[in-house]
C-alpha cells in the first residue's frame, strides 16, 4: 500500500485543490474529519464524493481522532477509504477490534512529539506495532492543544530514533515545508512525508507553486537516501 518516498498532503478543501495536488505528483490525500480542535476543511459528504472520484493510484486517507473501533470502521466504509490515520489515544483493545472487523483496512497510528517524550513513544510502538501498518509523527502545540496541522517542527532526532527502532514504517510530519523537507528526510530517513499548512498560501488554500516545490524537494531528499 505504501510507496517508498510517499508524499501525503493533509487538509484538502475541494475538488479543484485535489486535482491540483494530484497533478503536482501527490498520491496520498488526507481528509481530517471529526476533529476536537482544528476546523474541518470540507463536509463528510463532500469528502466521500471526492474520494469516490480519485484516479487509480491515488489514495484517500481518513485522518481522525475517533477512538472506538465500531465508529472508526463504519466511518471508513461511509467515506470509501482503505487507509485511516488515527490521532487519538486509541486503546490496544480497539485496534484489535478494528483488525477483526476490517482486516484489509490500513492503519496509520500517530506519534505526537511533546518535547522530549521519546520513551513514551517507544512504549506506544512496542504495544501497538502488531496491530498497525505504519506510524506518523507530528508536533504538539501546547498553546492550542492541537496534535497536528500546527505548522510547528520538533526535534528530528526523535523521529530518527523512532525510525531506527520501529518494526513498522514511519512517516514524518510536523512543520514541513519546501525549504526544510529535503533536510528533514536526510536526517530522519522516513518512509514518507506529510505536509498540511506548509504549502498553504495566505488564503489558507494549498498553493500550486509551493506544492510543486515541496514535491520536488521531497523527491530530492528521498533520492539522497537511496
Protein backbone atom coordinates (compact mmCIF):
# COMPACT_ATOMS: atom_id res chain seq x y z
CA UNK A 1 0.00 0.00 0.00
CA UNK A 2 2.77 2.47 0.89
CA UNK A 3 5.26 3.63 -1.71
CA UNK A 4 8.81 4.34 -0.60
CA UNK A 5 9.16 8.11 -0.74
CA UNK A 6 5.42 8.63 -0.36
CA UNK A 7 4.13 12.18 -0.15
CA UNK A 8 0.87 12.94 1.62
CA UNK A 9 -0.93 16.27 1.74
CA UNK A 10 -3.48 16.72 4.50
CA UNK A 11 -6.38 19.14 4.56
CA UNK A 12 -7.95 19.01 1.09
CA UNK A 13 -10.50 21.79 0.65
CA UNK A 14 -12.34 20.83 -2.53
CA UNK A 15 -12.17 19.07 -5.88
CA UNK A 16 -10.12 21.78 -7.60
CA UNK A 17 -7.49 21.60 -4.87
CA UNK A 18 -7.41 17.80 -5.05
CA UNK A 19 -6.87 17.93 -8.81
CA UNK A 20 -4.01 20.39 -8.37
CA UNK A 21 -2.34 18.16 -5.78
CA UNK A 22 -2.64 15.08 -7.95
CA UNK A 23 -1.26 16.94 -10.97
CA UNK A 24 1.68 18.01 -8.81
CA UNK A 25 2.56 14.38 -8.01
CA UNK A 26 0.80 13.83 -4.68
CA UNK A 27 -0.60 10.29 -4.37
CA UNK A 28 -1.98 10.41 -0.80
CA UNK A 29 -4.68 12.93 0.07
CA UNK A 30 -5.55 13.30 3.76
CA UNK A 31 -9.05 14.29 4.90
CA UNK A 32 -9.15 15.43 8.56
CA UNK A 33 -12.69 14.83 9.84
CA UNK A 34 -14.47 14.68 13.22
CA UNK A 35 -11.79 16.75 14.91
CA UNK A 36 -11.69 18.02 18.52
CA UNK A 37 -9.60 21.14 17.83
CA UNK A 38 -8.99 22.21 14.23
CA UNK A 39 -11.79 23.17 11.85
CA UNK A 40 -12.66 20.71 9.10
CA UNK A 41 -11.81 21.65 5.52
CA UNK A 42 -14.93 20.20 3.91
CA UNK A 43 -18.02 18.24 4.85
CA UNK A 44 -18.12 14.46 5.21
CA UNK A 45 -20.43 14.19 2.20
CA UNK A 46 -18.09 16.33 0.10
CA UNK A 47 -15.12 14.23 1.18
CA UNK A 48 -16.90 10.98 0.28
CA UNK A 49 -17.82 12.28 -3.17
CA UNK A 50 -14.28 13.46 -3.82
CA UNK A 51 -12.71 10.20 -2.63
CA UNK A 52 -15.03 8.18 -4.87
CA UNK A 53 -13.66 10.01 -7.92
CA UNK A 54 -9.94 9.71 -7.15
CA UNK A 55 -7.98 8.17 -10.04
CA UNK A 56 -6.21 4.83 -9.80
CA UNK A 57 -3.02 5.07 -7.76
CA UNK A 58 -4.23 7.98 -5.67
CA UNK A 59 -5.37 7.18 -2.13
CA UNK A 60 -7.79 8.99 0.15
CA UNK A 61 -6.78 8.84 3.82
CA UNK A 62 -9.20 9.48 6.67
CA UNK A 63 -7.48 11.49 9.43
CA UNK A 64 -9.48 11.38 12.64
CA UNK A 65 -9.42 11.45 16.42
CA UNK A 66 -12.13 8.82 16.79
CA UNK A 67 -11.08 6.15 19.28
CA UNK A 68 -13.75 3.44 19.11
CA UNK A 69 -13.37 0.60 16.62
CA UNK A 70 -17.01 0.36 15.61
CA UNK A 71 -17.25 4.06 14.79
CA UNK A 72 -13.88 4.13 13.02
CA UNK A 73 -14.70 1.18 10.78
CA UNK A 74 -18.18 2.49 10.00
CA UNK A 75 -16.81 5.94 9.11
CA UNK A 76 -14.14 4.47 6.83
CA UNK A 77 -16.79 2.49 4.97
CA UNK A 78 -19.02 5.56 4.73
CA UNK A 79 -16.20 7.56 3.17
CA UNK A 80 -14.95 4.73 0.97
CA UNK A 81 -11.36 4.83 2.26
CA UNK A 82 -8.99 1.91 2.79
CA UNK A 83 -6.48 3.90 4.89
CA UNK A 84 -7.16 5.53 8.25
CA UNK A 85 -4.81 7.75 10.24
CA UNK A 86 -5.62 7.62 13.96
CA UNK A 87 -4.58 10.64 16.00
CA UNK A 88 -6.49 9.86 19.16
CA UNK A 89 -5.32 7.82 22.14
CA UNK A 90 -6.76 4.55 20.84
CA UNK A 91 -6.63 1.61 23.25
CA UNK A 92 -4.97 -1.59 22.07
CA UNK A 93 -8.26 -3.40 22.53
CA UNK A 94 -9.87 -1.06 19.99
CA UNK A 95 -7.03 -1.64 17.49
CA UNK A 96 -7.61 -5.38 17.83
CA UNK A 97 -11.32 -4.87 17.17
CA UNK A 98 -10.55 -2.82 14.05
CA UNK A 99 -8.32 -5.62 12.76
CA UNK A 100 -11.04 -8.18 13.35
CA UNK A 101 -13.83 -6.07 11.80
CA UNK A 102 -11.82 -4.76 8.82
CA UNK A 103 -8.74 -6.93 8.18
CA UNK A 104 -7.77 -5.07 4.99
CA UNK A 105 -8.05 -1.56 6.45
CA UNK A 106 -4.62 0.08 6.56
CA UNK A 107 -3.99 1.72 9.94
CA UNK A 108 -1.55 4.58 10.49
CA UNK A 109 -1.05 5.47 14.16
CA UNK A 110 0.14 8.92 15.18
CA UNK A 111 3.17 9.51 17.40
CA UNK A 112 2.80 13.03 18.76
CA UNK A 113 6.08 14.59 19.87
CA UNK A 114 5.63 16.63 23.05
CA UNK A 115 9.13 17.87 23.79
CA UNK A 116 11.42 15.02 24.77
CA UNK A 117 8.88 12.19 25.13
CA UNK A 118 10.86 9.58 23.21
CA UNK A 119 10.49 6.92 25.89
CA UNK A 120 6.71 7.32 25.87
CA UNK A 121 6.60 7.00 22.09
CA UNK A 122 8.74 3.86 22.19
CA UNK A 123 6.23 2.29 24.57
CA UNK A 124 3.39 3.13 22.18
CA UNK A 125 5.26 1.44 19.34
CA UNK A 126 6.09 -1.56 21.49
CA UNK A 127 2.46 -2.22 22.34
CA UNK A 128 0.71 -1.20 19.11
CA UNK A 129 3.05 -2.39 16.33
CA UNK A 130 1.35 -5.78 15.87
CA UNK A 131 -1.93 -4.03 15.10
CA UNK A 132 -0.92 -1.10 12.86
CA UNK A 133 0.70 -0.78 9.44
CA UNK A 134 2.66 2.45 9.87
CA UNK A 135 3.25 5.41 12.16
CA UNK A 136 3.18 9.14 11.53
CA UNK A 137 4.93 11.65 13.74
CA UNK A 138 3.57 15.13 14.43
CA UNK A 139 4.03 18.12 16.71
CA UNK A 140 2.00 19.04 19.78
CA UNK A 141 1.14 22.72 20.23
CA UNK A 142 0.73 23.42 23.98
CA UNK A 143 -0.90 26.78 23.27
CA UNK A 144 -3.84 25.38 21.28
CA UNK A 145 -3.78 21.73 22.29
CA UNK A 146 -3.56 20.71 18.63
CA UNK A 147 -1.74 17.49 17.76
CA UNK A 148 -1.26 18.22 14.08
CA UNK A 149 -1.64 20.98 11.49
CA UNK A 150 0.30 23.22 13.87
CA UNK A 151 2.94 24.38 11.39
CA UNK A 152 5.50 23.61 14.10
CA UNK A 153 8.56 21.41 13.76
CA UNK A 154 10.05 19.29 16.52
CA UNK A 155 13.37 17.61 17.21
CA UNK A 156 14.03 15.39 14.20
CA UNK A 157 16.46 13.32 16.28
CA UNK A 158 13.37 11.86 17.97
CA UNK A 159 11.95 10.82 14.60
CA UNK A 160 15.26 9.28 13.57
CA UNK A 161 15.32 7.22 16.76
CA UNK A 162 11.76 6.06 16.11
CA UNK A 163 12.61 5.07 12.53
CA UNK A 164 15.57 3.07 13.81
CA UNK A 165 13.59 1.09 16.38
CA UNK A 166 10.14 0.76 14.83
CA UNK A 167 9.17 -2.53 13.15
CA UNK A 168 6.68 -0.52 11.10
CA UNK A 169 7.37 2.26 8.58
CA UNK A 170 7.41 5.84 9.88
CA UNK A 171 6.02 8.86 8.04
CA UNK A 172 7.44 12.24 9.03
CA UNK A 173 5.13 15.21 9.65
CA UNK A 174 5.20 18.40 11.66
CA UNK A 175 6.12 21.81 10.29
CA UNK A 176 7.45 20.54 6.96
CA UNK A 177 7.63 22.95 4.02
CA UNK A 178 9.52 23.26 0.71
CA UNK A 179 12.54 24.80 2.45
CA UNK A 180 13.14 22.10 5.06
CA UNK A 181 11.68 18.86 3.73
CA UNK A 182 14.81 17.62 1.93
CA UNK A 183 16.98 18.13 5.01
CA UNK A 184 14.33 16.54 7.23
CA UNK A 185 14.33 13.46 5.02
CA UNK A 186 18.12 13.33 5.06
CA UNK A 187 18.19 13.41 8.85
CA UNK A 188 15.23 11.15 9.61
CA UNK A 189 15.19 8.71 6.64
CA UNK A 190 11.41 8.09 6.86
CA UNK A 191 9.23 6.05 4.55
CA UNK A 192 7.34 9.19 3.56
CA UNK A 193 6.42 12.74 4.47
CA UNK A 194 3.20 14.59 5.20
CA UNK A 195 2.50 18.30 4.82
CA UNK A 196 -0.50 20.42 5.70
CA UNK A 197 -0.02 24.12 6.45
CA UNK A 198 3.49 24.24 4.97
CA UNK A 199 2.20 24.56 1.39
CA UNK A 200 -0.71 26.89 2.08
CA UNK A 201 -0.93 30.43 0.83
CA UNK A 202 -2.23 33.45 2.73
CA UNK A 203 -5.80 32.42 1.86
CA UNK A 204 -5.41 29.09 3.66
CA UNK A 205 -5.60 27.05 0.46
CA UNK A 206 -2.87 24.83 -0.93
CA UNK A 207 -0.65 26.88 -3.24
CA UNK A 208 0.28 25.23 -6.56
CA UNK A 209 3.78 26.70 -6.64
CA UNK A 210 4.55 25.70 -3.06
CA UNK A 211 3.13 22.24 -3.70
CA UNK A 212 5.34 21.64 -6.72
CA UNK A 213 8.38 22.87 -4.81
CA UNK A 214 7.55 20.62 -1.88
CA UNK A 215 7.14 17.56 -4.11
CA UNK A 216 10.39 18.29 -5.96
CA UNK A 217 12.34 18.89 -2.74
CA UNK A 218 10.90 15.77 -1.14
CA UNK A 219 11.90 13.69 -4.15
CA UNK A 220 15.38 15.21 -3.98
CA UNK A 221 15.59 14.27 -0.32
CA UNK A 222 14.47 10.70 -0.89
CA UNK A 223 16.87 10.30 -3.81
CA UNK A 224 19.70 11.22 -1.45
CA UNK A 225 18.96 8.39 0.98
CA UNK A 226 18.51 5.54 -1.53
